[in-house]
């Protein structure tokens, strides 16, 4: 299950049941309709291990935390490691 969080304030989310290992930018980022689930900043799509592998295999649409949330990632590649400028 992917989630949407910004990279300025709410980077590297820690889920209760999921481990998020990378993020991808949604189509059109930062001018995207995808908004952080914790604030009003543009959000990125945080991926689990399995979703990361799916992205590497060509998948671009990911399911969110509920049935009606689906997010489309761009082809810009995965982002891993420390987020520069994160306030967390």
PDB file of N, CA and C in Angstrom:
ATOM      1  N   UNK A   1       0.832  -1.178   0.000  1.00  0.00           N
ATOM      2  CA  UNK A   1       0.000   0.000   0.000  1.00  0.00           C
ATOM      3  C   UNK A   1       0.881   1.248   0.000  1.00  0.00           C
ATOM      4  N   UNK A   2       0.803   1.997  -1.053  1.00  0.00           N
ATOM      5  CA  UNK A   2       1.551   3.249  -1.170  1.00  0.00           C
ATOM      6  C   UNK A   2       0.870   4.334  -0.352  1.00  0.00           C
ATOM      7  N   UNK A   3       1.658   5.331   0.034  1.00  0.00           N
ATOM      8  CA  UNK A   3       1.068   6.509   0.665  1.00  0.00           C
ATOM      9  C   UNK A   3       1.675   7.756   0.031  1.00  0.00           C
ATOM     10  N   UNK A   4       1.012   8.867   0.250  1.00  0.00           N
ATOM     11  CA  UNK A   4       1.470  10.142  -0.280  1.00  0.00           C
ATOM     12  C   UNK A   4       1.923  11.032   0.877  1.00  0.00           C
ATOM     13  N   UNK A   5       3.183  11.437   0.827  1.00  0.00           N
ATOM     14  CA  UNK A   5       3.741  12.386   1.791  1.00  0.00           C
ATOM     15  C   UNK A   5       4.660  13.332   1.041  1.00  0.00           C
ATOM     16  N   UNK A   6       4.820  14.528   1.574  1.00  0.00           N
ATOM     17  CA  UNK A   6       5.728  15.493   0.953  1.00  0.00           C
ATOM     18  C   UNK A   6       7.169  15.138   1.297  1.00  0.00           C
ATOM     19  N   UNK A   7       8.096  15.736   0.580  1.00  0.00           N
ATOM     20  CA  UNK A   7       9.511  15.494   0.894  1.00  0.00           C
ATOM     21  C   UNK A   7      10.128  16.648   1.671  1.00  0.00           C
ATOM     22  N   UNK A   8       9.360  17.709   1.889  1.00  0.00           N
ATOM     23  CA  UNK A   8       9.883  18.853   2.637  1.00  0.00           C
ATOM     24  C   UNK A   8       9.726  18.687   4.145  1.00  0.00           C
ATOM     25  N   UNK A   9       8.598  18.122   4.573  1.00  0.00           N
ATOM     26  CA  UNK A   9       8.299  18.052   6.007  1.00  0.00           C
ATOM     27  C   UNK A   9       8.073  16.621   6.490  1.00  0.00           C
ATOM     28  N   UNK A  10       7.420  15.799   5.707  1.00  0.00           N
ATOM     29  CA  UNK A  10       6.996  14.465   6.148  1.00  0.00           C
ATOM     30  C   UNK A  10       7.687  13.342   5.379  1.00  0.00           C
ATOM     31  N   UNK A  11       8.994  13.461   5.227  1.00  0.00           N
ATOM     32  CA  UNK A  11       9.750  12.462   4.468  1.00  0.00           C
ATOM     33  C   UNK A  11      10.010  11.203   5.290  1.00  0.00           C
ATOM     34  N   UNK A  12      10.290  10.142   4.608  1.00  0.00           N
ATOM     35  CA  UNK A  12      10.531   8.809   5.149  1.00  0.00           C
ATOM     36  C   UNK A  12       9.515   8.422   6.214  1.00  0.00           C
ATOM     37  N   UNK A  13       8.263   8.254   5.773  1.00  0.00           N
ATOM     38  CA  UNK A  13       7.213   7.863   6.713  1.00  0.00           C
ATOM     39  C   UNK A  13       7.476   6.475   7.292  1.00  0.00           C
ATOM     40  N   UNK A  14       7.034   6.283   8.506  1.00  0.00           N
ATOM     41  CA  UNK A  14       7.143   4.986   9.161  1.00  0.00           C
ATOM     42  C   UNK A  14       5.735   4.466   9.406  1.00  0.00           C
ATOM     43  N   UNK A  15       5.353   3.485   8.630  1.00  0.00           N
ATOM     44  CA  UNK A  15       4.031   2.898   8.793  1.00  0.00           C
ATOM     45  C   UNK A  15       4.003   1.891   9.922  1.00  0.00           C
ATOM     46  N   UNK A  16       2.822   1.608  10.416  1.00  0.00           N
ATOM     47  CA  UNK A  16       2.682   0.609  11.482  1.00  0.00           C
ATOM     48  C   UNK A  16       2.899  -0.801  10.954  1.00  0.00           C
ATOM     49  N   UNK A  17       2.465  -1.023   9.718  1.00  0.00           N
ATOM     50  CA  UNK A  17       2.566  -2.363   9.145  1.00  0.00           C
ATOM     51  C   UNK A  17       3.395  -2.395   7.864  1.00  0.00           C
ATOM     52  N   UNK A  18       3.813  -1.250   7.358  1.00  0.00           N
ATOM     53  CA  UNK A  18       4.548  -1.172   6.103  1.00  0.00           C
ATOM     54  C   UNK A  18       5.899  -0.488   6.320  1.00  0.00           C
ATOM     55  N   UNK A  19       6.884  -0.902   5.540  1.00  0.00           N
ATOM     56  CA  UNK A  19       8.170  -0.210   5.534  1.00  0.00           C
ATOM     57  C   UNK A  19       8.326   0.455   4.172  1.00  0.00           C
ATOM     58  N   UNK A  20       8.483   1.770   4.170  1.00  0.00           N
ATOM     59  CA  UNK A  20       8.623   2.519   2.926  1.00  0.00           C
ATOM     60  C   UNK A  20      10.108   2.713   2.635  1.00  0.00           C
ATOM     61  N   UNK A  21      10.532   2.276   1.448  1.00  0.00           N
ATOM     62  CA  UNK A  21      11.953   2.205   1.141  1.00  0.00           C
ATOM     63  C   UNK A  21      12.407   3.160   0.045  1.00  0.00           C
ATOM     64  N   UNK A  22      11.472   3.745  -0.682  1.00  0.00           N
ATOM     65  CA  UNK A  22      11.813   4.652  -1.784  1.00  0.00           C
ATOM     66  C   UNK A  22      10.588   5.478  -2.133  1.00  0.00           C
ATOM     67  N   UNK A  23      10.813   6.525  -2.905  1.00  0.00           N
ATOM     68  CA  UNK A  23       9.668   7.276  -3.413  1.00  0.00           C
ATOM     69  C   UNK A  23       9.849   7.552  -4.893  1.00  0.00           C
ATOM     70  N   UNK A  24       8.716   7.801  -5.540  1.00  0.00           N
ATOM     71  CA  UNK A  24       8.685   8.210  -6.939  1.00  0.00           C
ATOM     72  C   UNK A  24       7.817   9.461  -7.016  1.00  0.00           C
ATOM     73  N   UNK A  25       8.082  10.268  -8.006  1.00  0.00           N
ATOM     74  CA  UNK A  25       7.288  11.478  -8.173  1.00  0.00           C
ATOM     75  C   UNK A  25       6.058  11.166  -9.014  1.00  0.00           C
ATOM     76  N   UNK A  26       4.925  11.778  -8.653  1.00  0.00           N
ATOM     77  CA  UNK A  26       3.733  11.590  -9.471  1.00  0.00           C
ATOM     78  C   UNK A  26       3.851  12.384 -10.775  1.00  0.00           C
ATOM     79  N   UNK A  27       3.057  12.017 -11.745  1.00  0.00           N
ATOM     80  CA  UNK A  27       3.040  12.733 -13.011  1.00  0.00           C
ATOM     81  C   UNK A  27       2.774  14.218 -12.738  1.00  0.00           C
ATOM     82  N   UNK A  28       3.584  15.087 -13.336  1.00  0.00           N
ATOM     83  CA  UNK A  28       3.393  16.528 -13.214  1.00  0.00           C
ATOM     84  C   UNK A  28       4.024  17.179 -12.002  1.00  0.00           C
ATOM     85  N   UNK A  29       4.682  16.418 -11.146  1.00  0.00           N
ATOM     86  CA  UNK A  29       5.252  16.973  -9.916  1.00  0.00           C
ATOM     87  C   UNK A  29       6.203  18.123 -10.238  1.00  0.00           C
ATOM     88  N   UNK A  30       6.170  19.251  -9.551  1.00  0.00           N
ATOM     89  CA  UNK A  30       5.397  19.554  -8.346  1.00  0.00           C
ATOM     90  C   UNK A  30       3.995  20.122  -8.626  1.00  0.00           C
ATOM     91  N   UNK A  31       3.676  20.352  -9.885  1.00  0.00           N
ATOM     92  CA  UNK A  31       2.321  20.822 -10.230  1.00  0.00           C
ATOM     93  C   UNK A  31       1.408  19.622 -10.389  1.00  0.00           C
ATOM     94  N   UNK A  32       1.141  18.955  -9.294  1.00  0.00           N
ATOM     95  CA  UNK A  32       0.367  17.724  -9.288  1.00  0.00           C
ATOM     96  C   UNK A  32      -0.869  17.884  -8.413  1.00  0.00           C
ATOM     97  N   UNK A  33      -1.851  17.062  -8.655  1.00  0.00           N
ATOM     98  CA  UNK A  33      -3.048  17.047  -7.808  1.00  0.00           C
ATOM     99  C   UNK A  33      -2.808  16.230  -6.541  1.00  0.00           C
ATOM    100  N   UNK A  34      -1.691  15.535  -6.483  1.00  0.00           N
ATOM    101  CA  UNK A  34      -1.377  14.691  -5.328  1.00  0.00           C
ATOM    102  C   UNK A  34      -0.818  15.554  -4.198  1.00  0.00           C
ATOM    103  N   UNK A  35      -1.512  15.568  -3.066  1.00  0.00           N
ATOM    104  CA  UNK A  35      -1.164  16.407  -1.919  1.00  0.00           C
ATOM    105  C   UNK A  35      -0.810  15.526  -0.726  1.00  0.00           C
ATOM    106  N   UNK A  36       0.191  15.922   0.029  1.00  0.00           N
ATOM    107  CA  UNK A  36       0.636  15.204   1.221  1.00  0.00           C
ATOM    108  C   UNK A  36      -0.545  14.884   2.137  1.00  0.00           C
ATOM    109  N   UNK A  37      -0.521  13.693   2.712  1.00  0.00           N
ATOM    110  CA  UNK A  37      -1.574  13.288   3.637  1.00  0.00           C
ATOM    111  C   UNK A  37      -1.469  13.929   5.009  1.00  0.00           C
ATOM    112  N   UNK A  38      -0.425  14.747   5.250  1.00  0.00           N
ATOM    113  CA  UNK A  38      -0.229  15.385   6.555  1.00  0.00           C
ATOM    114  C   UNK A  38      -0.222  16.914   6.506  1.00  0.00           C
ATOM    115  N   UNK A  39      -0.007  17.480   5.297  1.00  0.00           N
ATOM    116  CA  UNK A  39       0.008  18.939   5.157  1.00  0.00           C
ATOM    117  C   UNK A  39      -0.462  19.291   3.740  1.00  0.00           C
ATOM    118  N   UNK A  40      -0.304  20.527   3.318  1.00  0.00           N
ATOM    119  CA  UNK A  40      -0.798  20.957   2.016  1.00  0.00           C
ATOM    120  C   UNK A  40       0.285  21.040   0.937  1.00  0.00           C
ATOM    121  N   UNK A  41       1.456  20.477   1.178  1.00  0.00           N
ATOM    122  CA  UNK A  41       2.529  20.471   0.179  1.00  0.00           C
ATOM    123  C   UNK A  41       2.251  19.429  -0.895  1.00  0.00           C
ATOM    124  N   UNK A  42       2.822  19.622  -2.097  1.00  0.00           N
ATOM    125  CA  UNK A  42       2.721  18.563  -3.117  1.00  0.00           C
ATOM    126  C   UNK A  42       3.342  17.279  -2.572  1.00  0.00           C
ATOM    127  N   UNK A  43       2.725  16.160  -2.866  1.00  0.00           N
ATOM    128  CA  UNK A  43       3.197  14.896  -2.333  1.00  0.00           C
ATOM    129  C   UNK A  43       3.888  14.026  -3.360  1.00  0.00           C
ATOM    130  N   UNK A  44       4.708  13.114  -2.865  1.00  0.00           N
ATOM    131  CA  UNK A  44       5.322  12.075  -3.690  1.00  0.00           C
ATOM    132  C   UNK A  44       4.735  10.735  -3.244  1.00  0.00           C
ATOM    133  N   UNK A  45       4.984   9.698  -4.013  1.00  0.00           N
ATOM    134  CA  UNK A  45       4.434   8.380  -3.736  1.00  0.00           C
ATOM    135  C   UNK A  45       5.503   7.531  -3.049  1.00  0.00           C
ATOM    136  N   UNK A  46       5.251   7.174  -1.800  1.00  0.00           N
ATOM    137  CA  UNK A  46       6.193   6.362  -1.037  1.00  0.00           C
ATOM    138  C   UNK A  46       5.853   4.898  -1.250  1.00  0.00           C
ATOM    139  N   UNK A  47       6.887   4.085  -1.552  1.00  0.00           N
ATOM    140  CA  UNK A  47       6.705   2.696  -1.940  1.00  0.00           C
ATOM    141  C   UNK A  47       7.306   1.713  -0.944  1.00  0.00           C
ATOM    142  N   UNK A  48       6.657   0.555  -0.831  1.00  0.00           N
ATOM    143  CA  UNK A  48       7.191  -0.564  -0.044  1.00  0.00           C
ATOM    144  C   UNK A  48       8.198  -1.339  -0.904  1.00  0.00           C
ATOM    145  N   UNK A  49       8.822  -2.351  -0.334  1.00  0.00           N
ATOM    146  CA  UNK A  49       9.773  -3.184  -1.082  1.00  0.00           C
ATOM    147  C   UNK A  49       9.125  -3.774  -2.332  1.00  0.00           C
ATOM    148  N   UNK A  50       7.939  -4.358  -2.159  1.00  0.00           N
ATOM    149  CA  UNK A  50       7.256  -4.993  -3.290  1.00  0.00           C
ATOM    150  C   UNK A  50       6.862  -3.976  -4.352  1.00  0.00           C
ATOM    151  N   UNK A  51       6.406  -2.808  -3.931  1.00  0.00           N
ATOM    152  CA  UNK A  51       6.025  -1.765  -4.895  1.00  0.00           C
ATOM    153  C   UNK A  51       7.250  -1.217  -5.622  1.00  0.00           C
ATOM    154  N   UNK A  52       8.364  -1.132  -4.921  1.00  0.00           N
ATOM    155  CA  UNK A  52       9.607  -0.695  -5.561  1.00  0.00           C
ATOM    156  C   UNK A  52       9.976  -1.657  -6.687  1.00  0.00           C
ATOM    157  N   UNK A  53       9.903  -2.946  -6.406  1.00  0.00           N
ATOM    158  CA  UNK A  53      10.191  -3.955  -7.429  1.00  0.00           C
ATOM    159  C   UNK A  53       9.192  -3.854  -8.585  1.00  0.00           C
ATOM    160  N   UNK A  54       7.935  -3.594  -8.275  1.00  0.00           N
ATOM    161  CA  UNK A  54       6.917  -3.448  -9.322  1.00  0.00           C
ATOM    162  C   UNK A  54       7.217  -2.227 -10.196  1.00  0.00           C
ATOM    163  N   UNK A  55       7.642  -1.123  -9.577  1.00  0.00           N
ATOM    164  CA  UNK A  55       8.010   0.073 -10.349  1.00  0.00           C
ATOM    165  C   UNK A  55       9.176  -0.240 -11.280  1.00  0.00           C
ATOM    166  N   UNK A  56      10.168  -0.925 -10.753  1.00  0.00           N
ATOM    167  CA  UNK A  56      11.328  -1.304 -11.571  1.00  0.00           C
ATOM    168  C   UNK A  56      10.920  -2.227 -12.720  1.00  0.00           C
ATOM    169  N   UNK A  57       9.825  -2.963 -12.528  1.00  0.00           N
ATOM    170  CA  UNK A  57       9.306  -3.846 -13.565  1.00  0.00           C
ATOM    171  C   UNK A  57       8.357  -3.173 -14.537  1.00  0.00           C
ATOM    172  N   UNK A  58       8.114  -1.863 -14.355  1.00  0.00           N
ATOM    173  CA  UNK A  58       7.286  -1.122 -15.291  1.00  0.00           C
ATOM    174  C   UNK A  58       5.940  -0.647 -14.775  1.00  0.00           C
ATOM    175  N   UNK A  59       5.548  -1.037 -13.584  1.00  0.00           N
ATOM    176  CA  UNK A  59       4.268  -0.587 -13.036  1.00  0.00           C
ATOM    177  C   UNK A  59       4.342   0.896 -12.707  1.00  0.00           C
ATOM    178  N   UNK A  60       3.281   1.636 -13.005  1.00  0.00           N
ATOM    179  CA  UNK A  60       3.261   3.077 -12.726  1.00  0.00           C
ATOM    180  C   UNK A  60       2.030   3.525 -11.936  1.00  0.00           C
ATOM    181  N   UNK A  61       1.047   2.682 -11.753  1.00  0.00           N
ATOM    182  CA  UNK A  61      -0.147   3.035 -10.986  1.00  0.00           C
ATOM    183  C   UNK A  61      -0.137   2.231  -9.689  1.00  0.00           C
ATOM    184  N   UNK A  62      -0.244   2.947  -8.572  1.00  0.00           N
ATOM    185  CA  UNK A  62      -0.161   2.316  -7.254  1.00  0.00           C
ATOM    186  C   UNK A  62      -1.405   2.612  -6.432  1.00  0.00           C
ATOM    187  N   UNK A  63      -1.790   1.632  -5.611  1.00  0.00           N
ATOM    188  CA  UNK A  63      -2.961   1.737  -4.745  1.00  0.00           C
ATOM    189  C   UNK A  63      -2.607   2.484  -3.473  1.00  0.00           C
ATOM    190  N   UNK A  64      -3.506   3.352  -3.050  1.00  0.00           N
ATOM    191  CA  UNK A  64      -3.337   4.077  -1.799  1.00  0.00           C
ATOM    192  C   UNK A  64      -3.954   3.325  -0.638  1.00  0.00           C
ATOM    193  N   UNK A  65      -4.122   3.998   0.503  1.00  0.00           N
ATOM    194  CA  UNK A  65      -4.588   3.340   1.720  1.00  0.00           C
ATOM    195  C   UNK A  65      -6.079   2.996   1.733  1.00  0.00           C
ATOM    196  N   UNK A  66      -6.797   3.398   0.709  1.00  0.00           N
ATOM    197  CA  UNK A  66      -8.202   3.018   0.626  1.00  0.00           C
ATOM    198  C   UNK A  66      -8.527   2.650  -0.818  1.00  0.00           C
ATOM    199  N   UNK A  67      -9.685   2.102  -1.045  1.00  0.00           N
ATOM    200  CA  UNK A  67     -10.002   1.556  -2.360  1.00  0.00           C
ATOM    201  C   UNK A  67     -10.108   2.586  -3.475  1.00  0.00           C
ATOM    202  N   UNK A  68     -10.414   3.813  -3.156  1.00  0.00           N
ATOM    203  CA  UNK A  68     -10.618   4.786  -4.228  1.00  0.00           C
ATOM    204  C   UNK A  68      -9.390   5.651  -4.500  1.00  0.00           C
ATOM    205  N   UNK A  69      -8.289   5.405  -3.829  1.00  0.00           N
ATOM    206  CA  UNK A  69      -7.076   6.179  -4.071  1.00  0.00           C
ATOM    207  C   UNK A  69      -6.110   5.379  -4.936  1.00  0.00           C
ATOM    208  N   UNK A  70      -5.816   5.927  -6.105  1.00  0.00           N
ATOM    209  CA  UNK A  70      -4.808   5.350  -6.989  1.00  0.00           C
ATOM    210  C   UNK A  70      -3.925   6.499  -7.456  1.00  0.00           C
ATOM    211  N   UNK A  71      -2.632   6.241  -7.544  1.00  0.00           N
ATOM    212  CA  UNK A  71      -1.670   7.290  -7.859  1.00  0.00           C
ATOM    213  C   UNK A  71      -0.820   6.866  -9.052  1.00  0.00           C
ATOM    214  N   UNK A  72      -0.615   7.784 -10.007  1.00  0.00           N
ATOM    215  CA  UNK A  72       0.202   7.478 -11.175  1.00  0.00           C
ATOM    216  C   UNK A  72       1.574   8.120 -11.022  1.00  0.00           C
ATOM    217  N   UNK A  73       2.613   7.279 -11.101  1.00  0.00           N
ATOM    218  CA  UNK A  73       3.996   7.744 -10.996  1.00  0.00           C
ATOM    219  C   UNK A  73       4.541   8.118 -12.367  1.00  0.00           C
ATOM    220  N   UNK A  74       5.487   9.042 -12.384  1.00  0.00           N
ATOM    221  CA  UNK A  74       6.150   9.389 -13.649  1.00  0.00           C
ATOM    222  C   UNK A  74       7.259   8.379 -13.935  1.00  0.00           C
ATOM    223  N   UNK A  75       7.958   8.574 -15.024  1.00  0.00           N
ATOM    224  CA  UNK A  75       9.037   7.673 -15.421  1.00  0.00           C
ATOM    225  C   UNK A  75      10.406   8.181 -14.981  1.00  0.00           C
ATOM    226  N   UNK A  76      10.454   9.115 -14.035  1.00  0.00           N
ATOM    227  CA  UNK A  76      11.706   9.733 -13.609  1.00  0.00           C
ATOM    228  C   UNK A  76      12.603   8.870 -12.750  1.00  0.00           C
ATOM    229  N   UNK A  77      12.146   7.702 -12.353  1.00  0.00           N
ATOM    230  CA  UNK A  77      12.972   6.803 -11.571  1.00  0.00           C
ATOM    231  C   UNK A  77      12.711   6.865 -10.076  1.00  0.00           C
ATOM    232  N   UNK A  78      13.293   5.901  -9.391  1.00  0.00           N
ATOM    233  CA  UNK A  78      13.174   5.790  -7.933  1.00  0.00           C
ATOM    234  C   UNK A  78      14.123   6.749  -7.231  1.00  0.00           C
ATOM    235  N   UNK A  79      13.717   7.194  -6.063  1.00  0.00           N
ATOM    236  CA  UNK A  79      14.560   8.036  -5.217  1.00  0.00           C
ATOM    237  C   UNK A  79      14.731   7.310  -3.902  1.00  0.00           C
ATOM    238  N   UNK A  80      15.984   7.048  -3.558  1.00  0.00           N
ATOM    239  CA  UNK A  80      16.298   6.347  -2.313  1.00  0.00           C
ATOM    240  C   UNK A  80      17.346   7.150  -1.556  1.00  0.00           C
ATOM    241  N   UNK A  81      17.546   6.801  -0.301  1.00  0.00           N
ATOM    242  CA  UNK A  81      18.539   7.507   0.492  1.00  0.00           C
ATOM    243  C   UNK A  81      17.936   8.708   1.194  1.00  0.00           C
ATOM    244  N   UNK A  82      18.775   9.501   1.786  1.00  0.00           N
ATOM    245  CA  UNK A  82      18.326  10.640   2.574  1.00  0.00           C
ATOM    246  C   UNK A  82      17.749  11.747   1.704  1.00  0.00           C
ATOM    247  N   UNK A  83      16.668  12.340   2.183  1.00  0.00           N
ATOM    248  CA  UNK A  83      16.052  13.465   1.497  1.00  0.00           C
ATOM    249  C   UNK A  83      16.702  14.741   2.016  1.00  0.00           C
ATOM    250  N   UNK A  84      17.339  15.494   1.140  1.00  0.00           N
ATOM    251  CA  UNK A  84      18.003  16.739   1.517  1.00  0.00           C
ATOM    252  C   UNK A  84      16.946  17.792   1.827  1.00  0.00           C
ATOM    253  N   UNK A  85      17.081  18.460   2.954  1.00  0.00           N
ATOM    254  CA  UNK A  85      16.166  19.538   3.313  1.00  0.00           C
ATOM    255  C   UNK A  85      14.931  19.103   4.059  1.00  0.00           C
ATOM    256  N   UNK A  86      14.820  17.828   4.402  1.00  0.00           N
ATOM    257  CA  UNK A  86      13.656  17.350   5.128  1.00  0.00           C
ATOM    258  C   UNK A  86      13.691  17.882   6.564  1.00  0.00           C
ATOM    259  N   UNK A  87      12.566  18.337   7.050  1.00  0.00           N
ATOM    260  CA  UNK A  87      12.479  18.909   8.392  1.00  0.00           C
ATOM    261  C   UNK A  87      12.204  17.876   9.474  1.00  0.00           C
ATOM    262  N   UNK A  88      11.986  16.622   9.110  1.00  0.00           N
ATOM    263  CA  UNK A  88      11.701  15.587  10.107  1.00  0.00           C
ATOM    264  C   UNK A  88      12.950  15.197  10.862  1.00  0.00           C
TER     265      UNK A  88
END
